[in-house]
N, C-alpha and C. Protein backbone atom coordinates (compact mmCIF):
# COMPACT_ATOMS: atom_id res chain seq x y z
N MET A 1 -95.86 -147.70 165.98
CA MET A 1 -95.18 -148.52 164.99
C MET A 1 -93.69 -148.66 165.32
N ARG A 2 -93.09 -147.61 165.85
CA ARG A 2 -91.67 -147.64 166.18
C ARG A 2 -91.38 -148.73 167.21
N HIS A 3 -92.29 -148.92 168.17
CA HIS A 3 -92.10 -149.93 169.21
C HIS A 3 -92.06 -151.33 168.61
N LYS A 4 -92.97 -151.63 167.67
CA LYS A 4 -93.00 -152.94 167.03
C LYS A 4 -91.75 -153.16 166.18
N THR A 5 -91.30 -152.11 165.49
CA THR A 5 -90.09 -152.21 164.69
C THR A 5 -88.89 -152.49 165.58
N PHE A 6 -88.83 -151.82 166.72
CA PHE A 6 -87.73 -152.03 167.66
C PHE A 6 -87.74 -153.46 168.18
N GLN A 7 -88.94 -153.98 168.50
CA GLN A 7 -89.03 -155.36 168.99
C GLN A 7 -88.58 -156.34 167.91
N TYR A 8 -89.01 -156.11 166.65
CA TYR A 8 -88.60 -157.00 165.57
C TYR A 8 -87.09 -156.93 165.39
N SER A 9 -86.54 -155.73 165.45
CA SER A 9 -85.11 -155.57 165.29
C SER A 9 -84.35 -156.31 166.39
N ARG A 10 -84.79 -156.17 167.61
CA ARG A 10 -84.14 -156.88 168.72
C ARG A 10 -84.28 -158.39 168.53
N PHE A 11 -85.47 -158.83 168.16
CA PHE A 11 -85.71 -160.26 167.94
C PHE A 11 -84.82 -160.79 166.82
N SER A 12 -84.79 -160.09 165.67
CA SER A 12 -84.01 -160.58 164.53
C SER A 12 -82.52 -160.58 164.84
N ASN A 13 -82.04 -159.59 165.58
CA ASN A 13 -80.62 -159.58 165.95
C ASN A 13 -80.29 -160.73 166.89
N ALA A 14 -81.19 -161.00 167.84
CA ALA A 14 -80.96 -162.11 168.78
C ALA A 14 -80.95 -163.45 168.04
N VAL A 15 -81.91 -163.64 167.14
CA VAL A 15 -81.99 -164.89 166.39
C VAL A 15 -80.77 -165.04 165.48
N SER A 16 -80.37 -163.94 164.85
CA SER A 16 -79.19 -164.00 163.97
C SER A 16 -77.93 -164.35 164.74
N ARG A 17 -77.78 -163.75 165.92
CA ARG A 17 -76.60 -164.09 166.75
C ARG A 17 -76.64 -165.55 167.17
N PHE A 18 -77.83 -166.01 167.57
CA PHE A 18 -77.98 -167.40 168.00
C PHE A 18 -77.70 -168.36 166.85
N CYS A 19 -78.27 -168.09 165.69
CA CYS A 19 -78.14 -169.00 164.55
C CYS A 19 -76.74 -169.00 163.95
N GLY A 20 -75.95 -167.98 164.25
CA GLY A 20 -74.60 -167.92 163.74
C GLY A 20 -73.59 -168.67 164.58
N ARG A 21 -74.03 -169.30 165.64
CA ARG A 21 -73.12 -170.03 166.53
C ARG A 21 -72.82 -171.42 165.98
N PRO A 22 -71.62 -171.90 166.26
CA PRO A 22 -71.25 -173.24 165.77
C PRO A 22 -72.18 -174.35 166.25
N VAL A 23 -72.70 -174.23 167.46
CA VAL A 23 -73.57 -175.28 167.98
C VAL A 23 -74.86 -175.39 167.15
N VAL A 24 -75.35 -174.29 166.64
CA VAL A 24 -76.56 -174.33 165.81
C VAL A 24 -76.24 -175.00 164.47
N PHE A 25 -75.08 -174.68 163.92
CA PHE A 25 -74.66 -175.36 162.68
C PHE A 25 -74.54 -176.86 162.92
N ALA A 26 -73.93 -177.24 164.03
CA ALA A 26 -73.78 -178.65 164.37
C ALA A 26 -75.14 -179.31 164.53
N LEU A 27 -76.08 -178.62 165.13
CA LEU A 27 -77.45 -179.13 165.28
C LEU A 27 -78.09 -179.36 163.91
N ALA A 28 -77.91 -178.40 162.99
CA ALA A 28 -78.47 -178.55 161.64
C ALA A 28 -77.85 -179.75 160.93
N VAL A 29 -76.53 -179.89 161.06
CA VAL A 29 -75.86 -181.05 160.45
C VAL A 29 -76.39 -182.34 161.08
N GLY A 30 -76.59 -182.32 162.39
CA GLY A 30 -77.14 -183.49 163.08
C GLY A 30 -78.52 -183.87 162.58
N ILE A 31 -79.34 -182.87 162.34
CA ILE A 31 -80.70 -183.14 161.82
C ILE A 31 -80.61 -183.79 160.44
N VAL A 32 -79.73 -183.27 159.59
CA VAL A 32 -79.58 -183.85 158.25
C VAL A 32 -79.04 -185.28 158.33
N VAL A 33 -78.10 -185.52 159.24
CA VAL A 33 -77.55 -186.88 159.39
C VAL A 33 -78.64 -187.84 159.87
N VAL A 34 -79.42 -187.40 160.87
CA VAL A 34 -80.51 -188.26 161.37
C VAL A 34 -81.51 -188.53 160.26
N TRP A 35 -81.84 -187.50 159.51
CA TRP A 35 -82.77 -187.67 158.40
C TRP A 35 -82.22 -188.67 157.39
N ALA A 36 -80.93 -188.53 157.03
CA ALA A 36 -80.32 -189.45 156.06
C ALA A 36 -80.30 -190.88 156.59
N LEU A 37 -80.00 -191.04 157.88
CA LEU A 37 -79.94 -192.39 158.46
C LEU A 37 -81.31 -193.04 158.54
N THR A 38 -82.36 -192.25 158.60
CA THR A 38 -83.72 -192.82 158.67
C THR A 38 -84.26 -193.18 157.29
N GLY A 39 -83.49 -192.88 156.23
CA GLY A 39 -83.94 -193.19 154.87
C GLY A 39 -84.32 -194.65 154.69
N PRO A 40 -83.44 -195.58 155.06
CA PRO A 40 -83.80 -197.00 154.89
C PRO A 40 -85.03 -197.40 155.71
N LEU A 41 -85.17 -196.78 156.88
CA LEU A 41 -86.32 -197.09 157.74
C LEU A 41 -87.63 -196.74 157.06
N PHE A 42 -87.63 -195.66 156.30
CA PHE A 42 -88.84 -195.21 155.61
C PHE A 42 -88.82 -195.55 154.12
N ASP A 43 -87.94 -196.45 153.74
CA ASP A 43 -87.80 -196.88 152.34
C ASP A 43 -87.61 -195.71 151.38
N TYR A 44 -86.93 -194.68 151.85
CA TYR A 44 -86.65 -193.49 151.02
C TYR A 44 -87.92 -192.99 150.33
N SER A 45 -89.00 -192.97 151.07
CA SER A 45 -90.31 -192.62 150.50
C SER A 45 -90.39 -191.14 150.13
N ASN A 46 -91.43 -190.82 149.39
CA ASN A 46 -91.67 -189.42 149.03
C ASN A 46 -91.91 -188.57 150.28
N THR A 47 -92.60 -189.12 151.25
CA THR A 47 -92.85 -188.40 152.50
C THR A 47 -91.55 -188.13 153.23
N TRP A 48 -90.66 -189.12 153.25
CA TRP A 48 -89.36 -188.95 153.89
C TRP A 48 -88.59 -187.81 153.22
N GLN A 49 -88.61 -187.74 151.90
CA GLN A 49 -87.94 -186.67 151.17
C GLN A 49 -88.63 -185.33 151.40
N LEU A 50 -89.96 -185.38 151.47
CA LEU A 50 -90.74 -184.15 151.66
C LEU A 50 -90.44 -183.50 153.00
N VAL A 51 -90.15 -184.30 154.01
CA VAL A 51 -89.85 -183.77 155.34
C VAL A 51 -88.64 -182.85 155.29
N ILE A 52 -87.53 -183.30 154.71
CA ILE A 52 -86.33 -182.47 154.66
C ILE A 52 -86.51 -181.29 153.72
N ASN A 53 -87.18 -181.53 152.60
CA ASN A 53 -87.41 -180.43 151.65
C ASN A 53 -88.25 -179.32 152.27
N THR A 54 -89.31 -179.69 152.93
CA THR A 54 -90.19 -178.70 153.54
C THR A 54 -89.47 -177.98 154.68
N GLY A 55 -88.80 -178.74 155.52
CA GLY A 55 -88.09 -178.13 156.65
C GLY A 55 -87.03 -177.14 156.21
N THR A 56 -86.20 -177.54 155.25
CA THR A 56 -85.14 -176.64 154.80
C THR A 56 -85.69 -175.43 154.05
N THR A 57 -86.76 -175.61 153.32
CA THR A 57 -87.37 -174.48 152.61
C THR A 57 -87.91 -173.45 153.59
N ILE A 58 -88.60 -173.91 154.61
CA ILE A 58 -89.16 -172.99 155.62
C ILE A 58 -88.05 -172.26 156.35
N VAL A 59 -87.04 -172.98 156.78
CA VAL A 59 -85.93 -172.34 157.51
C VAL A 59 -85.22 -171.33 156.61
N THR A 60 -84.96 -171.70 155.37
CA THR A 60 -84.30 -170.79 154.43
C THR A 60 -85.14 -169.54 154.21
N PHE A 61 -86.41 -169.71 153.99
CA PHE A 61 -87.33 -168.59 153.76
C PHE A 61 -87.30 -167.61 154.93
N LEU A 62 -87.38 -168.12 156.14
CA LEU A 62 -87.37 -167.25 157.31
C LEU A 62 -86.01 -166.60 157.54
N MET A 63 -84.95 -167.36 157.31
CA MET A 63 -83.61 -166.82 157.54
C MET A 63 -83.26 -165.70 156.56
N VAL A 64 -83.80 -165.74 155.36
CA VAL A 64 -83.54 -164.66 154.39
C VAL A 64 -83.96 -163.32 154.98
N PHE A 65 -85.12 -163.27 155.62
CA PHE A 65 -85.60 -162.02 156.19
C PHE A 65 -84.76 -161.59 157.39
N LEU A 66 -84.38 -162.54 158.20
CA LEU A 66 -83.55 -162.21 159.36
C LEU A 66 -82.17 -161.71 158.92
N ILE A 67 -81.59 -162.37 157.95
CA ILE A 67 -80.27 -161.96 157.46
C ILE A 67 -80.36 -160.59 156.81
N GLN A 68 -81.41 -160.34 156.03
CA GLN A 68 -81.56 -159.04 155.38
C GLN A 68 -81.72 -157.94 156.42
N ASN A 69 -82.50 -158.19 157.47
CA ASN A 69 -82.66 -157.19 158.52
C ASN A 69 -81.33 -156.89 159.20
N THR A 70 -80.59 -157.93 159.51
CA THR A 70 -79.30 -157.76 160.15
C THR A 70 -78.33 -157.02 159.24
N GLN A 71 -78.32 -157.37 157.97
CA GLN A 71 -77.42 -156.70 157.03
C GLN A 71 -77.81 -155.23 156.86
N ASN A 72 -79.10 -154.94 156.77
CA ASN A 72 -79.55 -153.55 156.67
C ASN A 72 -79.09 -152.75 157.88
N ARG A 73 -79.23 -153.35 159.04
CA ARG A 73 -78.82 -152.67 160.28
C ARG A 73 -77.30 -152.45 160.32
N ASP A 74 -76.53 -153.46 159.94
CA ASP A 74 -75.08 -153.33 159.91
C ASP A 74 -74.64 -152.27 158.91
N THR A 75 -75.27 -152.27 157.74
CA THR A 75 -74.94 -151.28 156.72
C THR A 75 -75.25 -149.87 157.20
N MET A 76 -76.39 -149.70 157.85
CA MET A 76 -76.77 -148.39 158.36
C MET A 76 -75.77 -147.93 159.43
N ALA A 77 -75.38 -148.82 160.32
CA ALA A 77 -74.41 -148.47 161.36
C ALA A 77 -73.07 -148.08 160.73
N LEU A 78 -72.65 -148.82 159.72
CA LEU A 78 -71.40 -148.50 159.03
C LEU A 78 -71.49 -147.14 158.35
N GLN A 79 -72.62 -146.86 157.72
CA GLN A 79 -72.80 -145.57 157.05
C GLN A 79 -72.76 -144.42 158.05
N VAL A 80 -73.38 -144.62 159.20
CA VAL A 80 -73.37 -143.58 160.23
C VAL A 80 -71.93 -143.32 160.71
N LYS A 81 -71.18 -144.39 160.92
CA LYS A 81 -69.79 -144.25 161.37
C LYS A 81 -68.94 -143.55 160.31
N LEU A 82 -69.11 -143.95 159.05
CA LEU A 82 -68.35 -143.31 157.98
C LEU A 82 -68.73 -141.84 157.84
N SER A 83 -70.01 -141.55 157.94
CA SER A 83 -70.46 -140.16 157.86
C SER A 83 -69.84 -139.33 158.96
N GLU A 84 -69.78 -139.88 160.16
CA GLU A 84 -69.17 -139.17 161.28
C GLU A 84 -67.69 -138.90 161.01
N LEU A 85 -66.98 -139.89 160.49
CA LEU A 85 -65.56 -139.70 160.17
C LEU A 85 -65.36 -138.64 159.08
N ILE A 86 -66.20 -138.68 158.08
CA ILE A 86 -66.10 -137.70 156.99
C ILE A 86 -66.37 -136.30 157.51
N LEU A 87 -67.43 -136.17 158.30
CA LEU A 87 -67.79 -134.86 158.83
C LEU A 87 -66.73 -134.33 159.79
N ALA A 88 -66.05 -135.22 160.51
CA ALA A 88 -65.03 -134.80 161.46
C ALA A 88 -63.69 -134.52 160.78
N SER A 89 -63.54 -134.95 159.52
CA SER A 89 -62.27 -134.77 158.83
C SER A 89 -62.34 -133.56 157.91
N GLU A 90 -61.30 -133.40 157.14
CA GLU A 90 -61.21 -132.29 156.19
C GLU A 90 -61.87 -132.67 154.86
N ALA A 91 -62.41 -133.86 154.76
CA ALA A 91 -63.01 -134.32 153.50
C ALA A 91 -64.26 -133.50 153.17
N GLU A 92 -64.63 -133.56 151.90
CA GLU A 92 -65.83 -132.84 151.48
C GLU A 92 -67.06 -133.48 152.10
N ASN A 93 -67.95 -132.65 152.60
CA ASN A 93 -69.16 -133.15 153.26
C ASN A 93 -70.09 -133.89 152.31
N ARG A 94 -69.94 -133.70 150.99
CA ARG A 94 -70.84 -134.38 150.05
C ARG A 94 -70.70 -135.90 150.14
N PHE A 95 -69.54 -136.36 150.62
CA PHE A 95 -69.35 -137.80 150.74
C PHE A 95 -70.13 -138.39 151.91
N ALA A 96 -70.47 -137.58 152.88
CA ALA A 96 -71.20 -138.07 154.05
C ALA A 96 -72.58 -138.57 153.68
N LYS A 97 -73.16 -138.05 152.60
CA LYS A 97 -74.50 -138.46 152.18
C LYS A 97 -74.46 -139.26 150.87
N ALA A 98 -73.33 -139.87 150.57
CA ALA A 98 -73.17 -140.59 149.31
C ALA A 98 -74.18 -141.72 149.16
N ASP A 99 -74.60 -142.31 150.27
CA ASP A 99 -75.56 -143.42 150.18
C ASP A 99 -76.94 -142.96 149.72
N ASP A 100 -77.19 -141.65 149.71
CA ASP A 100 -78.47 -141.12 149.25
C ASP A 100 -78.44 -140.71 147.78
N LEU A 101 -77.29 -140.83 147.13
CA LEU A 101 -77.17 -140.45 145.73
C LEU A 101 -77.81 -141.49 144.82
N SER A 102 -78.20 -141.04 143.63
CA SER A 102 -78.74 -141.97 142.63
C SER A 102 -77.59 -142.81 142.07
N ASP A 103 -77.94 -143.85 141.34
CA ASP A 103 -76.92 -144.70 140.74
C ASP A 103 -76.04 -143.90 139.78
N GLU A 104 -76.65 -143.01 139.02
CA GLU A 104 -75.90 -142.20 138.07
C GLU A 104 -74.95 -141.26 138.81
N GLU A 105 -75.42 -140.63 139.88
CA GLU A 105 -74.58 -139.73 140.66
C GLU A 105 -73.42 -140.48 141.31
N LEU A 106 -73.70 -141.69 141.81
CA LEU A 106 -72.63 -142.51 142.39
C LEU A 106 -71.59 -142.88 141.34
N GLU A 107 -72.04 -143.22 140.14
CA GLU A 107 -71.10 -143.57 139.07
C GLU A 107 -70.23 -142.37 138.70
N GLU A 108 -70.84 -141.19 138.61
CA GLU A 108 -70.07 -139.97 138.31
C GLU A 108 -69.03 -139.71 139.40
N LEU A 109 -69.45 -139.84 140.66
CA LEU A 109 -68.54 -139.63 141.78
C LEU A 109 -67.41 -140.65 141.76
N HIS A 110 -67.76 -141.89 141.46
CA HIS A 110 -66.75 -142.95 141.38
C HIS A 110 -65.72 -142.63 140.30
N GLN A 111 -66.19 -142.22 139.13
CA GLN A 111 -65.27 -141.89 138.04
C GLN A 111 -64.39 -140.70 138.40
N GLU A 112 -64.98 -139.70 139.05
CA GLU A 112 -64.21 -138.52 139.47
C GLU A 112 -63.11 -138.91 140.45
N LEU A 113 -63.46 -139.73 141.44
CA LEU A 113 -62.48 -140.15 142.44
C LEU A 113 -61.44 -141.09 141.85
N SER A 114 -61.83 -141.93 140.91
CA SER A 114 -60.87 -142.81 140.23
C SER A 114 -59.85 -141.98 139.47
N LYS A 115 -60.33 -140.94 138.80
CA LYS A 115 -59.43 -140.05 138.05
C LYS A 115 -58.46 -139.36 139.01
N GLN A 116 -58.97 -138.88 140.13
CA GLN A 116 -58.11 -138.24 141.14
C GLN A 116 -57.07 -139.22 141.68
N ALA A 117 -57.50 -140.46 141.91
CA ALA A 117 -56.58 -141.48 142.42
C ALA A 117 -55.48 -141.76 141.41
N GLU A 118 -55.83 -141.86 140.13
CA GLU A 118 -54.83 -142.10 139.09
C GLU A 118 -53.85 -140.93 139.02
N GLU A 119 -54.36 -139.70 139.11
CA GLU A 119 -53.49 -138.52 139.08
C GLU A 119 -52.54 -138.52 140.29
N THR A 120 -53.08 -138.86 141.44
CA THR A 120 -52.26 -138.92 142.66
C THR A 120 -51.20 -140.01 142.53
N LEU A 121 -51.58 -141.14 142.00
CA LEU A 121 -50.62 -142.23 141.80
C LEU A 121 -49.52 -141.81 140.84
N GLY A 122 -49.89 -141.11 139.76
CA GLY A 122 -48.91 -140.62 138.81
C GLY A 122 -47.93 -139.65 139.47
N THR A 123 -48.45 -138.76 140.31
CA THR A 123 -47.60 -137.82 141.02
C THR A 123 -46.66 -138.54 141.97
N LEU A 124 -47.16 -139.52 142.67
CA LEU A 124 -46.32 -140.30 143.59
C LEU A 124 -45.22 -141.04 142.84
N GLU A 125 -45.56 -141.62 141.69
CA GLU A 125 -44.56 -142.34 140.90
C GLU A 125 -43.48 -141.39 140.40
N GLU A 126 -43.88 -140.18 140.01
CA GLU A 126 -42.88 -139.18 139.57
C GLU A 126 -41.94 -138.84 140.72
N ARG A 127 -42.50 -138.62 141.91
CA ARG A 127 -41.68 -138.29 143.08
C ARG A 127 -40.71 -139.43 143.41
N ARG A 128 -41.21 -140.65 143.34
CA ARG A 128 -40.36 -141.81 143.63
C ARG A 128 -39.22 -141.93 142.63
N SER A 129 -39.54 -141.72 141.35
CA SER A 129 -38.48 -141.84 140.35
C SER A 129 -37.44 -140.74 140.52
N LYS A 130 -37.86 -139.51 140.91
CA LYS A 130 -36.91 -138.43 141.17
C LYS A 130 -36.03 -138.76 142.37
N LEU A 131 -36.65 -139.32 143.41
CA LEU A 131 -35.87 -139.69 144.60
C LEU A 131 -34.89 -140.81 144.28
N THR A 132 -35.31 -141.75 143.46
CA THR A 132 -34.43 -142.86 143.07
C THR A 132 -33.25 -142.34 142.27
N LYS A 133 -33.50 -141.37 141.36
CA LYS A 133 -32.41 -140.80 140.56
C LYS A 133 -31.44 -140.02 141.44
N LYS A 134 -31.97 -139.29 142.42
CA LYS A 134 -31.12 -138.53 143.32
C LYS A 134 -30.27 -139.46 144.19
N ALA A 135 -30.86 -140.57 144.60
CA ALA A 135 -30.15 -141.52 145.46
C ALA A 135 -29.06 -142.27 144.70
N SER A 136 -29.21 -142.38 143.38
CA SER A 136 -28.23 -143.12 142.57
C SER A 136 -26.97 -142.39 142.38
């Protein structure tokens, strides 16, 4: 199973890189322009409209999965890098596994860190005001 997952991952990354290029966007715009210009030729028929609707729906449907795979992979790589930095620093190791916490645990951690940040900001402001008074 790992081999098939690796192949899909390589495939989805390659397709995502290819589809993110300006030339592919230009090609998509070109297709829409050609479709719009052929409207009078087909008397703006239901079939003519169905062609663009079906094509864009299929492409969108497939791209959602490719984008999600790429985003999952990017997020995982970012988490690994952040975990490495946390583990290599003086920070608490509990932050290295923060992505495995429940929503409630993350909210508690967020509130705790927000409180610490506010306290640190207050301390910094006190120091600045003392330095300003001394400089005056």
